[in-house]
């Protein structure tokens, strides 16, 4: 199972989270976010795949960040069209397209993005494009029958790891963690995160049907 921690910014906190055996680390380039990365941190992880998070940004600006930050992939949280996803993917980066899941109809929007994204990310609807700490109804994903693997996001933390135990889906590839592990915006409690990851991996990494990183 993939574990992605999003909303990182501070160098020492990046170092601490890097030691928590996560697979991906997200850096938010959306100016309205309290976790916005306005300037390049003094330290970037070497062991973890870096993901840039964007909201309705231009292709030119996204490509500029990819080069500057050495991004492995991009996560698109706005109304980005399929052709933009395709253009980014063809340049060699992984593409994660986020969808807010309010009801079953929200899953219909995914169809236009099949074959132009490496992953989908299913999140809780919020005006701030993620980081709300709220959980959506995961049972809605029973209706998802697409071929693109997905990351589960939205309010996942130590408080609801028990609810994750019965969750299952053939395309479920991993989880995205953020605000439930914060002491302040963009600052993660590394010890709390480490304990959660240890428990999560003990449950899911022994699953022979787990999805690996593409």
Protein backbone atom coordinates (compact mmCIF):
# COMPACT_ATOMS: atom_id res chain seq x y z
CA UNK A 1 0.00 0.00 0.00
CA UNK A 2 1.20 3.49 -0.87
CA UNK A 3 1.38 6.02 1.95
CA UNK A 4 1.47 9.67 0.91
CA UNK A 5 1.83 12.53 3.37
CA UNK A 6 0.67 15.86 2.00
CA UNK A 7 1.11 19.48 2.99
CA UNK A 8 4.81 19.52 3.85
CA UNK A 9 6.90 22.68 3.92
CA UNK A 10 9.29 23.08 6.87
CA UNK A 11 12.79 21.59 6.42
CA UNK A 12 13.21 19.92 9.82
CA UNK A 13 9.69 18.51 9.71
CA UNK A 14 10.39 17.17 6.22
CA UNK A 15 13.44 15.37 7.64
CA UNK A 16 11.39 13.89 10.49
CA UNK A 17 8.58 12.66 8.23
CA UNK A 18 11.13 11.26 5.78
CA UNK A 19 12.11 8.78 8.50
CA UNK A 20 8.52 7.54 8.87
CA UNK A 21 8.78 5.18 5.86
CA UNK A 22 6.28 7.04 3.69
CA UNK A 23 6.31 6.57 -0.09
CA UNK A 24 5.26 10.00 -1.33
CA UNK A 25 5.44 13.52 0.09
CA UNK A 26 3.17 16.31 -1.17
CA UNK A 27 4.12 19.97 -1.57
CA UNK A 28 1.21 22.35 -2.14
CA UNK A 29 1.62 25.09 -4.74
CA UNK A 30 -1.84 26.59 -4.30
CA UNK A 31 -1.53 30.13 -2.85
CA UNK A 32 -4.84 29.99 -0.95
CA UNK A 33 -3.75 26.95 1.06
CA UNK A 34 -2.38 27.44 4.60
CA UNK A 35 0.25 24.88 3.58
CA UNK A 36 1.33 26.82 0.49
CA UNK A 37 5.01 26.45 -0.39
CA UNK A 38 5.94 30.02 -1.33
CA UNK A 39 9.66 29.36 -1.62
CA UNK A 40 11.81 26.28 -1.97
CA UNK A 41 12.47 24.65 1.42
CA UNK A 42 16.05 24.39 2.60
CA UNK A 43 15.72 20.61 2.50
CA UNK A 44 13.87 18.25 0.17
CA UNK A 45 13.62 14.49 0.70
CA UNK A 46 15.92 12.17 -1.22
CA UNK A 47 14.32 8.89 -0.16
CA UNK A 48 10.71 9.80 -0.93
CA UNK A 49 8.92 10.58 -4.19
CA UNK A 50 8.03 14.28 -4.30
CA UNK A 51 4.53 15.21 -5.47
CA UNK A 52 3.51 18.75 -6.39
CA UNK A 53 -0.11 19.68 -5.63
CA UNK A 54 -1.77 22.21 -7.94
CA UNK A 55 -5.21 23.79 -8.40
CA UNK A 56 -6.09 25.03 -11.89
CA UNK A 57 -2.50 26.01 -12.63
CA UNK A 58 -1.13 26.53 -16.13
CA UNK A 59 0.85 23.79 -17.84
CA UNK A 60 3.85 26.11 -18.09
CA UNK A 61 3.89 26.86 -14.35
CA UNK A 62 3.42 23.21 -13.42
CA UNK A 63 6.35 22.21 -15.62
CA UNK A 64 8.46 24.93 -14.03
CA UNK A 65 7.79 23.50 -10.56
CA UNK A 66 8.51 19.97 -11.78
CA UNK A 67 11.97 21.08 -12.86
CA UNK A 68 12.70 23.28 -9.85
CA UNK A 69 11.61 20.73 -7.23
CA UNK A 70 12.54 17.53 -9.00
CA UNK A 71 8.96 16.28 -8.81
CA UNK A 72 8.20 12.62 -9.38
CA UNK A 73 4.54 13.44 -9.94
CA UNK A 74 1.77 16.02 -9.79
CA UNK A 75 -1.57 15.98 -8.01
CA UNK A 76 -4.28 18.07 -9.66
CA UNK A 77 -7.08 19.27 -7.39
CA UNK A 78 -9.02 21.68 -9.58
CA UNK A 79 -10.96 21.50 -12.84
CA UNK A 80 -7.97 20.51 -14.93
CA UNK A 81 -9.09 18.98 -18.27
CA UNK A 82 -8.02 15.50 -19.41
CA UNK A 83 -5.75 16.92 -22.13
CA UNK A 84 -3.64 18.69 -19.49
CA UNK A 85 -3.25 15.42 -17.58
CA UNK A 86 -2.25 13.69 -20.79
CA UNK A 87 0.33 16.37 -21.63
CA UNK A 88 1.93 16.11 -18.20
CA UNK A 89 1.95 12.34 -18.24
CA UNK A 90 3.56 12.26 -21.67
CA UNK A 91 6.42 14.36 -20.27
CA UNK A 92 7.33 11.53 -17.90
CA UNK A 93 5.77 12.50 -14.56
CA UNK A 94 3.11 10.57 -12.70
CA UNK A 95 -0.33 12.21 -12.63
CA UNK A 96 -2.77 11.98 -9.72
CA UNK A 97 -6.20 13.55 -10.35
CA UNK A 98 -8.24 14.39 -7.27
CA UNK A 99 -12.03 14.10 -7.13
CA UNK A 100 -14.34 15.27 -4.36
CA UNK A 101 -16.83 12.51 -3.61
CA UNK A 102 -20.17 13.86 -2.47
CA UNK A 103 -22.40 11.20 -3.99
CA UNK A 104 -22.31 8.40 -6.55
CA UNK A 105 -22.67 10.85 -9.43
CA UNK A 106 -19.27 12.34 -8.57
CA UNK A 107 -17.66 9.10 -9.67
CA UNK A 108 -18.99 9.63 -13.20
CA UNK A 109 -16.46 12.44 -13.71
CA UNK A 110 -13.63 9.93 -13.45
CA UNK A 111 -14.50 8.29 -16.74
CA UNK A 112 -13.07 11.13 -18.82
CA UNK A 113 -9.72 10.75 -17.05
CA UNK A 114 -9.18 7.03 -17.55
CA UNK A 115 -5.90 6.32 -19.37
CA UNK A 116 -4.52 9.85 -18.86
CA UNK A 117 -3.80 9.52 -15.12
CA UNK A 118 -1.70 7.11 -13.08
CA UNK A 119 -3.88 7.43 -9.98
CA UNK A 120 -7.08 9.04 -8.83
CA UNK A 121 -7.40 10.52 -5.36
CA UNK A 122 -10.83 10.41 -3.75
CA UNK A 123 -11.29 13.14 -1.16
CA UNK A 124 -13.90 14.89 0.97
CA UNK A 125 -15.64 17.89 -0.68
CA UNK A 126 -14.32 21.14 0.81
CA UNK A 127 -13.93 24.74 -0.40
CA UNK A 128 -10.23 24.59 0.49
CA UNK A 129 -9.36 21.68 -1.82
CA UNK A 130 -8.39 19.17 0.86
CA UNK A 131 -6.91 19.31 4.33
CA UNK A 132 -10.32 19.57 6.00
CA UNK A 133 -9.92 16.63 8.39
CA UNK A 134 -13.39 15.44 7.39
CA UNK A 135 -14.23 11.94 6.18
CA UNK A 136 -16.59 11.17 3.29
CA UNK A 137 -18.73 8.05 2.97
CA UNK A 138 -16.28 5.41 1.73
CA UNK A 139 -19.17 3.10 0.85
CA UNK A 140 -19.79 5.33 -2.17
CA UNK A 141 -16.64 3.86 -3.71
CA UNK A 142 -18.39 0.51 -4.10
CA UNK A 143 -19.74 2.06 -7.31
CA UNK A 144 -16.29 2.85 -8.69
CA UNK A 145 -15.55 0.33 -11.45
CA UNK A 146 -12.80 2.16 -13.32
CA UNK A 147 -9.39 0.76 -14.17
CA UNK A 148 -7.28 3.54 -12.60
CA UNK A 149 -5.98 2.76 -9.09
CA UNK A 150 -6.86 5.28 -6.40
CA UNK A 151 -5.61 6.76 -3.15
CA UNK A 152 -8.09 7.22 -0.33
CA UNK A 153 -8.01 10.65 1.31
CA UNK A 154 -10.02 12.85 3.64
CA UNK A 155 -9.71 12.82 7.42
CA UNK A 156 -7.73 9.60 7.76
CA UNK A 157 -6.02 9.38 11.15
CA UNK A 158 -5.46 7.32 14.27
CA UNK A 159 -9.07 7.89 15.30
CA UNK A 160 -10.52 5.96 12.37
CA UNK A 161 -7.97 3.31 11.49
CA UNK A 162 -10.53 0.82 12.77
CA UNK A 163 -12.92 1.98 10.04
CA UNK A 164 -10.24 1.29 7.45
CA UNK A 165 -9.97 -2.38 8.42
CA UNK A 166 -13.16 -3.50 6.64
CA UNK A 167 -12.59 -1.21 3.64
CA UNK A 168 -11.69 -3.08 0.48
CA UNK A 169 -11.60 -2.35 -3.24
CA UNK A 170 -9.65 -4.01 -6.08
CA UNK A 171 -8.32 -0.61 -7.26
CA UNK A 172 -7.41 0.75 -3.82
CA UNK A 173 -3.69 1.59 -3.99
CA UNK A 174 -3.03 3.55 -0.80
CA UNK A 175 -3.84 6.47 1.48
CA UNK A 176 -3.17 10.19 1.63
CA UNK A 177 -2.53 11.70 5.09
CA UNK A 178 -2.54 15.34 6.12
CA UNK A 179 -4.40 17.41 8.70
CA UNK A 180 -5.17 14.66 11.25
CA UNK A 181 -1.45 14.49 11.98
CA UNK A 182 -0.77 18.22 12.22
CA UNK A 183 0.15 20.34 15.21
CA UNK A 184 -0.17 23.41 12.94
CA UNK A 185 -0.65 23.84 9.18
CA UNK A 186 2.26 22.14 7.35
CA UNK A 187 3.72 20.74 10.60
CA UNK A 188 3.23 17.01 11.18
CA UNK A 189 3.57 15.11 14.46
CA UNK A 190 6.18 12.62 13.27
CA UNK A 191 5.81 10.25 16.23
CA UNK A 192 2.04 10.06 15.83
CA UNK A 193 2.50 9.53 12.11
CA UNK A 194 5.09 6.81 12.65
CA UNK A 195 2.82 4.90 15.05
CA UNK A 196 -0.10 5.07 12.61
CA UNK A 197 2.02 3.92 9.69
CA UNK A 198 3.39 1.01 11.69
CA UNK A 199 -0.13 -0.18 12.48
CA UNK A 200 -1.43 0.45 8.96
CA UNK A 201 1.41 -1.47 7.34
CA UNK A 202 0.98 -4.37 9.75
CA UNK A 203 -2.60 -4.71 8.49
CA UNK A 204 -2.23 -4.09 4.77
CA UNK A 205 1.31 -4.85 3.66
CA UNK A 206 0.74 -8.55 4.27
CA UNK A 207 -2.10 -8.47 1.75
CA UNK A 208 -1.03 -10.39 -1.39
CA UNK A 209 -3.41 -8.31 -3.54
CA UNK A 210 -1.86 -4.96 -2.57
CA UNK A 211 -1.09 -2.45 -5.31
CA UNK A 212 2.53 -1.39 -5.76
CA UNK A 213 3.82 1.98 -6.91
CA UNK A 214 3.77 2.31 -10.69
